[in-house]
Amino acid sequence: MILRLLISSILCLVIVIMDWSRLTRSTPIGRTTYIVIMLYVIYTGYGYIRMNPVPNLNDAVSAVFRAPATQIDKSLKATSTVDDIKPKAEKKDGN
C-alpha cells in the first residue's frame, strides 16, 4: 500500500508540475475543469491505493436523485387513457 501511495503521489505531482504553466495561463473555466478532473483522479486513485473498489459515481448520483426523478416522472405521466381521447361518436356502441 505504501508503494502504491508513493507511486500515485509522484505521478500526480509530475502531472501538476507539467501542467502548471498552462494552468496559470488558462481561463477560470479551464482551471475548474482541470481541478474537477484531478479530483476524479484522486478519487479513483484512492481505490487503487487502498485496493478497495470505490463506489461508482453513477451509482452515487442515481442514489441521490432516484426518488425525486421518480416523483417527477409520475407527475408528468398522462392520466388520461385512449378511451378518454376518442371522439364521442366513436364511444357509442351503436345505441
PDB file of N, CA and C in Angstrom:
ATOM      1  N   MET A   1       0.820  -1.181   0.000  1.00  0.00           N
ATOM      2  CA  MET A   1       0.000   0.000   0.000  1.00  0.00           C
ATOM      3  C   MET A   1       0.877   1.263   0.000  1.00  0.00           C
ATOM      4  N   ILE A   2       1.955   1.240   0.721  1.00  0.00           N
ATOM      5  CA  ILE A   2       2.860   2.390   0.771  1.00  0.00           C
ATOM      6  C   ILE A   2       3.461   2.641  -0.610  1.00  0.00           C
ATOM      7  N   LEU A   3       3.821   1.572  -1.296  1.00  0.00           N
ATOM      8  CA  LEU A   3       4.394   1.717  -2.630  1.00  0.00           C
ATOM      9  C   LEU A   3       3.374   2.328  -3.593  1.00  0.00           C
ATOM     10  N   ARG A   4       2.143   1.861  -3.517  1.00  0.00           N
ATOM     11  CA  ARG A   4       1.095   2.417  -4.383  1.00  0.00           C
ATOM     12  C   ARG A   4       0.864   3.888  -4.079  1.00  0.00           C
ATOM     13  N   LEU A   5       0.864   4.239  -2.804  1.00  0.00           N
ATOM     14  CA  LEU A   5       0.688   5.641  -2.408  1.00  0.00           C
ATOM     15  C   LEU A   5       1.838   6.493  -2.937  1.00  0.00           C
ATOM     16  N   LEU A   6       3.043   5.993  -2.832  1.00  0.00           N
ATOM     17  CA  LEU A   6       4.216   6.716  -3.300  1.00  0.00           C
ATOM     18  C   LEU A   6       4.170   6.917  -4.812  1.00  0.00           C
ATOM     19  N   ILE A   7       3.872   5.865  -5.528  1.00  0.00           N
ATOM     20  CA  ILE A   7       3.807   5.951  -6.999  1.00  0.00           C
ATOM     21  C   ILE A   7       2.703   6.908  -7.431  1.00  0.00           C
ATOM     22  N   SER A   8       1.524   6.790  -6.820  1.00  0.00           N
ATOM     23  CA  SER A   8       0.405   7.665  -7.194  1.00  0.00           C
ATOM     24  C   SER A   8       0.710   9.119  -6.865  1.00  0.00           C
ATOM     25  N   SER A   9       1.317   9.365  -5.736  1.00  0.00           N
ATOM     26  CA  SER A   9       1.664  10.741  -5.358  1.00  0.00           C
ATOM     27  C   SER A   9       2.674  11.342  -6.310  1.00  0.00           C
ATOM     28  N   ILE A  10       3.684  10.582  -6.670  1.00  0.00           N
ATOM     29  CA  ILE A  10       4.700  11.062  -7.612  1.00  0.00           C
ATOM     30  C   ILE A  10       4.069  11.359  -8.974  1.00  0.00           C
ATOM     31  N   LEU A  11       3.198  10.464  -9.449  1.00  0.00           N
ATOM     32  CA  LEU A  11       2.566  10.683 -10.752  1.00  0.00           C
ATOM     33  C   LEU A  11       1.675  11.926 -10.742  1.00  0.00           C
ATOM     34  N   CYS A  12       0.893  12.111  -9.683  1.00  0.00           N
ATOM     35  CA  CYS A  12       0.047  13.312  -9.606  1.00  0.00           C
ATOM     36  C   CYS A  12       0.897  14.571  -9.536  1.00  0.00           C
ATOM     37  N   LEU A  13       1.967  14.517  -8.791  1.00  0.00           N
ATOM     38  CA  LEU A  13       2.858  15.669  -8.679  1.00  0.00           C
ATOM     39  C   LEU A  13       3.496  15.998 -10.030  1.00  0.00           C
ATOM     40  N   VAL A  14       3.933  14.988 -10.754  1.00  0.00           N
ATOM     41  CA  VAL A  14       4.519  15.203 -12.084  1.00  0.00           C
ATOM     42  C   VAL A  14       3.481  15.807 -13.029  1.00  0.00           C
ATOM     43  N   ILE A  15       2.252  15.310 -12.978  1.00  0.00           N
ATOM     44  CA  ILE A  15       1.199  15.837 -13.848  1.00  0.00           C
ATOM     45  C   ILE A  15       0.944  17.311 -13.553  1.00  0.00           C
ATOM     46  N   VAL A  16       0.836  17.654 -12.271  1.00  0.00           N
ATOM     47  CA  VAL A  16       0.574  19.045 -11.905  1.00  0.00           C
ATOM     48  C   VAL A  16       1.753  19.941 -12.289  1.00  0.00           C
ATOM     49  N   ILE A  17       2.970  19.478 -12.075  1.00  0.00           N
ATOM     50  CA  ILE A  17       4.148  20.277 -12.439  1.00  0.00           C
ATOM     51  C   ILE A  17       4.206  20.509 -13.942  1.00  0.00           C
ATOM     52  N   MET A  18       3.920  19.473 -14.721  1.00  0.00           N
ATOM     53  CA  MET A  18       3.959  19.616 -16.176  1.00  0.00           C
ATOM     54  C   MET A  18       2.856  20.551 -16.679  1.00  0.00           C
ATOM     55  N   ASP A  19       1.715  20.574 -16.018  1.00  0.00           N
ATOM     56  CA  ASP A  19       0.588  21.397 -16.454  1.00  0.00           C
ATOM     57  C   ASP A  19       0.562  22.770 -15.808  1.00  0.00           C
ATOM     58  N   TRP A  20       1.452  23.057 -14.873  1.00  0.00           N
ATOM     59  CA  TRP A  20       1.380  24.297 -14.099  1.00  0.00           C
ATOM     60  C   TRP A  20       1.435  25.555 -14.973  1.00  0.00           C
ATOM     61  N   SER A  21       2.330  25.576 -15.947  1.00  0.00           N
ATOM     62  CA  SER A  21       2.451  26.780 -16.774  1.00  0.00           C
ATOM     63  C   SER A  21       1.188  27.005 -17.598  1.00  0.00           C
ATOM     64  N   ARG A  22       0.628  25.952 -18.144  1.00  0.00           N
ATOM     65  CA  ARG A  22      -0.619  26.085 -18.894  1.00  0.00           C
ATOM     66  C   ARG A  22      -1.785  26.420 -17.970  1.00  0.00           C
ATOM     67  N   LEU A  23      -1.738  25.872 -16.772  1.00  0.00           N
ATOM     68  CA  LEU A  23      -2.827  26.085 -15.817  1.00  0.00           C
ATOM     69  C   LEU A  23      -2.892  27.534 -15.359  1.00  0.00           C
ATOM     70  N   THR A  24      -1.748  28.162 -15.162  1.00  0.00           N
ATOM     71  CA  THR A  24      -1.743  29.565 -14.722  1.00  0.00           C
ATOM     72  C   THR A  24      -2.207  30.517 -15.820  1.00  0.00           C
ATOM     73  N   ARG A  25      -2.057  30.122 -17.078  1.00  0.00           N
ATOM     74  CA  ARG A  25      -2.486  30.971 -18.195  1.00  0.00           C
ATOM     75  C   ARG A  25      -3.910  30.687 -18.646  1.00  0.00           C
ATOM     76  N   SER A  26      -4.526  29.642 -18.116  1.00  0.00           N
ATOM     77  CA  SER A  26      -5.852  29.257 -18.598  1.00  0.00           C
ATOM     78  C   SER A  26      -6.952  30.106 -17.964  1.00  0.00           C
ATOM     79  N   THR A  27      -8.129  29.975 -18.519  1.00  0.00           N
ATOM     80  CA  THR A  27      -9.297  30.713 -18.026  1.00  0.00           C
ATOM     81  C   THR A  27      -9.814  30.055 -16.742  1.00  0.00           C
ATOM     82  N   PRO A  28     -10.653  30.749 -15.995  1.00  0.00           N
ATOM     83  CA  PRO A  28     -11.223  30.133 -14.789  1.00  0.00           C
ATOM     84  C   PRO A  28     -12.014  28.849 -15.077  1.00  0.00           C
ATOM     85  N   ILE A  29     -12.670  28.810 -16.214  1.00  0.00           N
ATOM     86  CA  ILE A  29     -13.401  27.588 -16.581  1.00  0.00           C
ATOM     87  C   ILE A  29     -12.417  26.447 -16.826  1.00  0.00           C
ATOM     88  N   GLY A  30     -11.309  26.752 -17.485  1.00  0.00           N
ATOM     89  CA  GLY A  30     -10.283  25.734 -17.726  1.00  0.00           C
ATOM     90  C   GLY A  30      -9.675  25.230 -16.432  1.00  0.00           C
ATOM     91  N   ARG A  31      -9.433  26.128 -15.486  1.00  0.00           N
ATOM     92  CA  ARG A  31      -8.883  25.720 -14.187  1.00  0.00           C
ATOM     93  C   ARG A  31      -9.877  24.867 -13.415  1.00  0.00           C
ATOM     94  N   THR A  32     -11.134  25.269 -13.464  1.00  0.00           N
ATOM     95  CA  THR A  32     -12.169  24.497 -12.779  1.00  0.00           C
ATOM     96  C   THR A  32     -12.282  23.096 -13.369  1.00  0.00           C
ATOM     97  N   THR A  33     -12.252  23.003 -14.678  1.00  0.00           N
ATOM     98  CA  THR A  33     -12.300  21.701 -15.337  1.00  0.00           C
ATOM     99  C   THR A  33     -11.108  20.845 -14.937  1.00  0.00           C
ATOM    100  N   TYR A  34      -9.948  21.446 -14.898  1.00  0.00           N
ATOM    101  CA  TYR A  34      -8.729  20.725 -14.509  1.00  0.00           C
ATOM    102  C   TYR A  34      -8.848  20.212 -13.068  1.00  0.00           C
ATOM    103  N   ILE A  35      -9.355  21.063 -12.186  1.00  0.00           N
ATOM    104  CA  ILE A  35      -9.496  20.659 -10.787  1.00  0.00           C
ATOM    105  C   ILE A  35     -10.503  19.521 -10.654  1.00  0.00           C
ATOM    106  N   VAL A  36     -11.602  19.589 -11.383  1.00  0.00           N
ATOM    107  CA  VAL A  36     -12.605  18.520 -11.325  1.00  0.00           C
ATOM    108  C   VAL A  36     -12.013  17.204 -11.817  1.00  0.00           C
ATOM    109  N   ILE A  37     -11.256  17.263 -12.899  1.00  0.00           N
ATOM    110  CA  ILE A  37     -10.627  16.046 -13.423  1.00  0.00           C
ATOM    111  C   ILE A  37      -9.619  15.493 -12.430  1.00  0.00           C
ATOM    112  N   MET A  38      -8.831  16.367 -11.820  1.00  0.00           N
ATOM    113  CA  MET A  38      -7.842  15.901 -10.828  1.00  0.00           C
ATOM    114  C   MET A  38      -8.524  15.321  -9.588  1.00  0.00           C
ATOM    115  N   LEU A  39      -9.649  15.895  -9.184  1.00  0.00           N
ATOM    116  CA  LEU A  39     -10.398  15.323  -8.061  1.00  0.00           C
ATOM    117  C   LEU A  39     -10.894  13.923  -8.386  1.00  0.00           C
ATOM    118  N   TYR A  40     -11.337  13.727  -9.629  1.00  0.00           N
ATOM    119  CA  TYR A  40     -11.757  12.389 -10.049  1.00  0.00           C
ATOM    120  C   TYR A  40     -10.572  11.425 -10.059  1.00  0.00           C
ATOM    121  N   VAL A  41      -9.413  11.906 -10.500  1.00  0.00           N
ATOM    122  CA  VAL A  41      -8.205  11.071 -10.495  1.00  0.00           C
ATOM    123  C   VAL A  41      -7.843  10.680  -9.065  1.00  0.00           C
ATOM    124  N   ILE A  42      -7.923  11.624  -8.150  1.00  0.00           N
ATOM    125  CA  ILE A  42      -7.623  11.327  -6.746  1.00  0.00           C
ATOM    126  C   ILE A  42      -8.650  10.354  -6.182  1.00  0.00           C
ATOM    127  N   TYR A  43      -9.910  10.542  -6.539  1.00  0.00           N
ATOM    128  CA  TYR A  43     -10.990   9.662  -6.069  1.00  0.00           C
ATOM    129  C   TYR A  43     -10.767   8.222  -6.518  1.00  0.00           C
ATOM    130  N   THR A  44     -10.472   8.039  -7.791  1.00  0.00           N
ATOM    131  CA  THR A  44     -10.243   6.677  -8.280  1.00  0.00           C
ATOM    132  C   THR A  44      -8.896   6.137  -7.816  1.00  0.00           C
ATOM    133  N   GLY A  45      -7.909   7.024  -7.639  1.00  0.00           N
ATOM    134  CA  GLY A  45      -6.614   6.604  -7.126  1.00  0.00           C
ATOM    135  C   GLY A  45      -6.698   6.099  -5.699  1.00  0.00           C
ATOM    136  N   TYR A  46      -7.636   6.650  -4.930  1.00  0.00           N
ATOM    137  CA  TYR A  46      -7.844   6.184  -3.562  1.00  0.00           C
ATOM    138  C   TYR A  46      -8.226   4.707  -3.547  1.00  0.00           C
ATOM    139  N   GLY A  47      -9.091   4.304  -4.453  1.00  0.00           N
ATOM    140  CA  GLY A  47      -9.466   2.890  -4.554  1.00  0.00           C
ATOM    141  C   GLY A  47      -8.288   2.025  -4.959  1.00  0.00           C
ATOM    142  N   TYR A  48      -7.441   2.551  -5.821  1.00  0.00           N
ATOM    143  CA  TYR A  48      -6.249   1.818  -6.243  1.00  0.00           C
ATOM    144  C   TYR A  48      -5.279   1.658  -5.074  1.00  0.00           C
ATOM    145  N   ILE A  49      -5.079   2.719  -4.316  1.00  0.00           N
ATOM    146  CA  ILE A  49      -4.131   2.671  -3.199  1.00  0.00           C
ATOM    147  C   ILE A  49      -4.633   1.736  -2.105  1.00  0.00           C
ATOM    148  N   ARG A  50      -5.907   1.830  -1.766  1.00  0.00           N
ATOM    149  CA  ARG A  50      -6.473   1.009  -0.696  1.00  0.00           C
ATOM    150  C   ARG A  50      -6.801  -0.409  -1.152  1.00  0.00           C
ATOM    151  N   MET A  51      -6.718  -0.653  -2.449  1.00  0.00           N
ATOM    152  CA  MET A  51      -7.069  -1.934  -3.060  1.00  0.00           C
ATOM    153  C   MET A  51      -8.513  -2.305  -2.751  1.00  0.00           C
ATOM    154  N   ASN A  52      -9.360  -1.292  -2.632  1.00  0.00           N
ATOM    155  CA  ASN A  52     -10.797  -1.458  -2.462  1.00  0.00           C
ATOM    156  C   ASN A  52     -11.490  -0.720  -3.591  1.00  0.00           C
ATOM    157  N   PRO A  53     -12.489  -1.337  -4.171  1.00  0.00           N
ATOM    158  CA  PRO A  53     -13.216  -0.577  -5.185  1.00  0.00           C
ATOM    159  C   PRO A  53     -14.043   0.513  -4.520  1.00  0.00           C
ATOM    160  N   VAL A  54     -13.963   1.711  -5.031  1.00  0.00           N
ATOM    161  CA  VAL A  54     -14.759   2.809  -4.506  1.00  0.00           C
ATOM    162  C   VAL A  54     -16.105   2.799  -5.211  1.00  0.00           C
ATOM    163  N   PRO A  55     -17.126   3.358  -4.589  1.00  0.00           N
ATOM    164  CA  PRO A  55     -18.436   3.381  -5.256  1.00  0.00           C
ATOM    165  C   PRO A  55     -18.367   4.118  -6.590  1.00  0.00           C
ATOM    166  N   ASN A  56     -19.083   3.597  -7.527  1.00  0.00           N
ATOM    167  CA  ASN A  56     -19.146   4.195  -8.843  1.00  0.00           C
ATOM    168  C   ASN A  56     -19.890   5.532  -8.745  1.00  0.00           C
ATOM    169  N   LEU A  57     -19.416   6.546  -9.417  1.00  0.00           N
ATOM    170  CA  LEU A  57     -20.057   7.856  -9.355  1.00  0.00           C
ATOM    171  C   LEU A  57     -21.472   7.823  -9.922  1.00  0.00           C
ATOM    172  N   ASN A  58     -21.701   6.997 -10.940  1.00  0.00           N
ATOM    173  CA  ASN A  58     -23.052   6.887 -11.490  1.00  0.00           C
ATOM    174  C   ASN A  58     -24.016   6.327 -10.457  1.00  0.00           C
ATOM    175  N   ASP A  59     -23.567   5.348  -9.677  1.00  0.00           N
ATOM    176  CA  ASP A  59     -24.413   4.789  -8.628  1.00  0.00           C
ATOM    177  C   ASP A  59     -24.705   5.827  -7.552  1.00  0.00           C
ATOM    178  N   ALA A  60     -23.726   6.642  -7.225  1.00  0.00           N
ATOM    179  CA  ALA A  60     -23.932   7.678  -6.208  1.00  0.00           C
ATOM    180  C   ALA A  60     -24.953   8.712  -6.691  1.00  0.00           C
ATOM    181  N   VAL A  61     -24.827   9.136  -7.929  1.00  0.00           N
ATOM    182  CA  VAL A  61     -25.777  10.106  -8.475  1.00  0.00           C
ATOM    183  C   VAL A  61     -27.173   9.495  -8.556  1.00  0.00           C
ATOM    184  N   SER A  62     -27.255   8.238  -8.962  1.00  0.00           N
ATOM    185  CA  SER A  62     -28.550   7.561  -9.032  1.00  0.00           C
ATOM    186  C   SER A  62     -29.188   7.447  -7.660  1.00  0.00           C
ATOM    187  N   ALA A  63     -28.405   7.135  -6.647  1.00  0.00           N
ATOM    188  CA  ALA A  63     -28.946   7.006  -5.295  1.00  0.00           C
ATOM    189  C   ALA A  63     -29.495   8.333  -4.789  1.00  0.00           C
ATOM    190  N   VAL A  64     -28.829   9.428  -5.117  1.00  0.00           N
ATOM    191  CA  VAL A  64     -29.262  10.744  -4.639  1.00  0.00           C
ATOM    192  C   VAL A  64     -30.518  11.208  -5.377  1.00  0.00           C
ATOM    193  N   PHE A  65     -30.562  11.003  -6.690  1.00  0.00           N
ATOM    194  CA  PHE A  65     -31.642  11.577  -7.492  1.00  0.00           C
ATOM    195  C   PHE A  65     -32.735  10.594  -7.882  1.00  0.00           C
ATOM    196  N   ARG A  66     -32.690   9.354  -7.425  1.00  0.00           N
ATOM    197  CA  ARG A  66     -33.687   8.357  -7.827  1.00  0.00           C
ATOM    198  C   ARG A  66     -35.086   8.749  -7.363  1.00  0.00           C
ATOM    199  N   ALA A  67     -35.256   9.096  -6.086  1.00  0.00           N
ATOM    200  CA  ALA A  67     -36.586   9.423  -5.557  1.00  0.00           C
ATOM    201  C   ALA A  67     -37.176  10.674  -6.202  1.00  0.00           C
ATOM    202  N   PRO A  68     -36.430  11.783  -6.292  1.00  0.00           N
ATOM    203  CA  PRO A  68     -37.017  12.951  -6.967  1.00  0.00           C
ATOM    204  C   PRO A  68     -37.330  12.688  -8.437  1.00  0.00           C
ATOM    205  N   ALA A  69     -36.485  11.939  -9.111  1.00  0.00           N
ATOM    206  CA  ALA A  69     -36.729  11.650 -10.533  1.00  0.00           C
ATOM    207  C   ALA A  69     -37.986  10.804 -10.695  1.00  0.00           C
ATOM    208  N   THR A  70     -38.206   9.858  -9.805  1.00  0.00           N
ATOM    209  CA  THR A  70     -39.405   9.023  -9.864  1.00  0.00           C
ATOM    210  C   THR A  70     -40.655   9.867  -9.632  1.00  0.00           C
ATOM    211  N   GLN A  71     -40.596  10.784  -8.675  1.00  0.00           N
ATOM    212  CA  GLN A  71     -41.740  11.651  -8.410  1.00  0.00           C
ATOM    213  C   GLN A  71     -42.038  12.554  -9.596  1.00  0.00           C
ATOM    214  N   ILE A  72     -41.011  13.108 -10.204  1.00  0.00           N
ATOM    215  CA  ILE A  72     -41.209  13.955 -11.383  1.00  0.00           C
ATOM    216  C   ILE A  72     -41.783  13.139 -12.530  1.00  0.00           C
ATOM    217  N   ASP A  73     -41.275  11.931 -12.716  1.00  0.00           N
ATOM    218  CA  ASP A  73     -41.760  11.060 -13.786  1.00  0.00           C
ATOM    219  C   ASP A  73     -43.240  10.731 -13.582  1.00  0.00           C
ATOM    220  N   LYS A  74     -43.631  10.418 -12.346  1.00  0.00           N
ATOM    221  CA  LYS A  74     -45.032  10.100 -12.073  1.00  0.00           C
ATOM    222  C   LYS A  74     -45.935  11.310 -12.279  1.00  0.00           C
ATOM    223  N   SER A  75     -45.453  12.490 -11.921  1.00  0.00           N
ATOM    224  CA  SER A  75     -46.290  13.685 -12.079  1.00  0.00           C
ATOM    225  C   SER A  75     -46.447  14.084 -13.542  1.00  0.00           C
ATOM    226  N   LEU A  76     -45.506  13.711 -14.390  1.00  0.00           N
ATOM    227  CA  LEU A  76     -45.576  14.089 -15.798  1.00  0.00           C
ATOM    228  C   LEU A  76     -46.303  13.079 -16.666  1.00  0.00           C
ATOM    229  N   LYS A  77     -46.563  11.895 -16.150  1.00  0.00           N
ATOM    230  CA  LYS A  77     -47.254  10.887 -16.952  1.00  0.00           C
ATOM    231  C   LYS A  77     -48.701  11.301 -17.172  1.00  0.00           C
ATOM    232  N   ALA A  78     -49.212  10.989 -18.353  1.00  0.00           N
ATOM    233  CA  ALA A  78     -50.588  11.335 -18.689  1.00  0.00           C
ATOM    234  C   ALA A  78     -51.539  10.465 -17.871  1.00  0.00           C
ATOM    235  N   THR A  79     -52.586  11.086 -17.344  1.00  0.00           N
ATOM    236  CA  THR A  79     -53.558  10.331 -16.557  1.00  0.00           C
ATOM    237  C   THR A  79     -54.723   9.867 -17.401  1.00  0.00           C
ATOM    238  N   SER A  80     -54.875  10.412 -18.586  1.00  0.00           N
ATOM    239  CA  SER A  80     -55.982  10.009 -19.438  1.00  0.00           C
ATOM    240  C   SER A  80     -55.632   8.740 -20.193  1.00  0.00           C
ATOM    241  N   THR A  81     -56.665   8.016 -20.585  1.00  0.00           N
ATOM    242  CA  THR A  81     -56.477   6.783 -21.349  1.00  0.00           C
ATOM    243  C   THR A  81     -56.879   7.040 -22.790  1.00  0.00           C
ATOM    244  N   VAL A  82     -56.703   6.048 -23.611  1.00  0.00           N
ATOM    245  CA  VAL A  82     -57.052   6.175 -25.024  1.00  0.00           C
ATOM    246  C   VAL A  82     -58.556   6.348 -25.172  1.00  0.00           C
ATOM    247  N   ASP A  83     -59.357   5.690 -24.329  1.00  0.00           N
ATOM    248  CA  ASP A  83     -60.811   5.797 -24.424  1.00  0.00           C
ATOM    249  C   ASP A  83     -61.290   7.210 -24.116  1.00  0.00           C
ATOM    250  N   ASP A  84     -60.600   7.920 -23.251  1.00  0.00           N
ATOM    251  CA  ASP A  84     -60.990   9.282 -22.912  1.00  0.00           C
ATOM    252  C   ASP A  84     -60.716  10.252 -24.063  1.00  0.00           C
ATOM    253  N   ILE A  85     -59.809   9.915 -24.937  1.00  0.00           N
ATOM    254  CA  ILE A  85     -59.414  10.814 -26.016  1.00  0.00           C
ATOM    255  C   ILE A  85     -60.305  10.645 -27.251  1.00  0.00           C
ATOM    256  N   LYS A  86     -60.924   9.477 -27.416  1.00  0.00           N
ATOM    257  CA  LYS A  86     -61.739   9.223 -28.613  1.00  0.00           C
ATOM    258  C   LYS A  86     -62.925  10.183 -28.661  1.00  0.00           C
ATOM    259  N   PRO A  87     -63.298  10.593 -29.866  1.00  0.00           N
ATOM    260  CA  PRO A  87     -64.484  11.437 -30.009  1.00  0.00           C
ATOM    261  C   PRO A  87     -65.735  10.705 -29.527  1.00  0.00           C
ATOM    262  N   LYS A  88     -66.789  11.465 -29.172  1.00  0.00           N
ATOM    263  CA  LYS A  88     -67.999  10.872 -28.627  1.00  0.00           C
ATOM    264  C   LYS A  88     -68.688   9.932 -29.613  1.00  0.00           C
ATOM    265  N   ALA A  89     -68.607  10.219 -30.882  1.00  0.00           N
ATOM    266  CA  ALA A  89     -69.277   9.382 -31.886  1.00  0.00           C
ATOM    267  C   ALA A  89     -68.668   7.978 -31.896  1.00  0.00           C
ATOM    268  N   GLU A  90     -67.390   7.847 -31.636  1.00  0.00           N
ATOM    269  CA  GLU A  90     -66.748   6.541 -31.636  1.00  0.00           C
ATOM    270  C   GLU A  90     -67.001   5.795 -30.323  1.00  0.00           C
ATOM    271  N   LYS A  91     -67.301   6.499 -29.260  1.00  0.00           N
ATOM    272  CA  LYS A  91     -67.502   5.863 -27.961  1.00  0.00           C
ATOM    273  C   LYS A  91     -68.822   5.093 -27.910  1.00  0.00           C
ATOM    274  N   LYS A  92     -69.804   5.522 -28.688  1.00  0.00           N
ATOM    275  CA  LYS A  92     -71.116   4.876 -28.650  1.00  0.00           C
ATOM    276  C   LYS A  92     -71.016   3.479 -29.248  1.00  0.00           C
ATOM    277  N   ASP A  93     -71.720   2.557 -28.652  1.00  0.00           N
ATOM    278  CA  ASP A  93     -71.694   1.171 -29.117  1.00  0.00           C
ATOM    279  C   ASP A  93     -72.804   0.897 -30.113  1.00  0.00           C
ATOM    280  N   GLY A  94     -73.257   1.886 -30.810  1.00  0.00           N
ATOM    281  CA  GLY A  94     -74.296   1.698 -31.804  1.00  0.00           C
ATOM    282  C   GLY A  94     -75.675   1.912 -31.231  1.00  0.00           C
ATOM    283  N   ASN A  95     -75.829   2.263 -30.010  1.00  0.00           N
ATOM    284  CA  ASN A  95     -77.126   2.509 -29.395  1.00  0.00           C
ATOM    285  C   ASN A  95     -77.579   3.917 -29.607  1.00  0.00           C
TER     286      ASN A  95
END
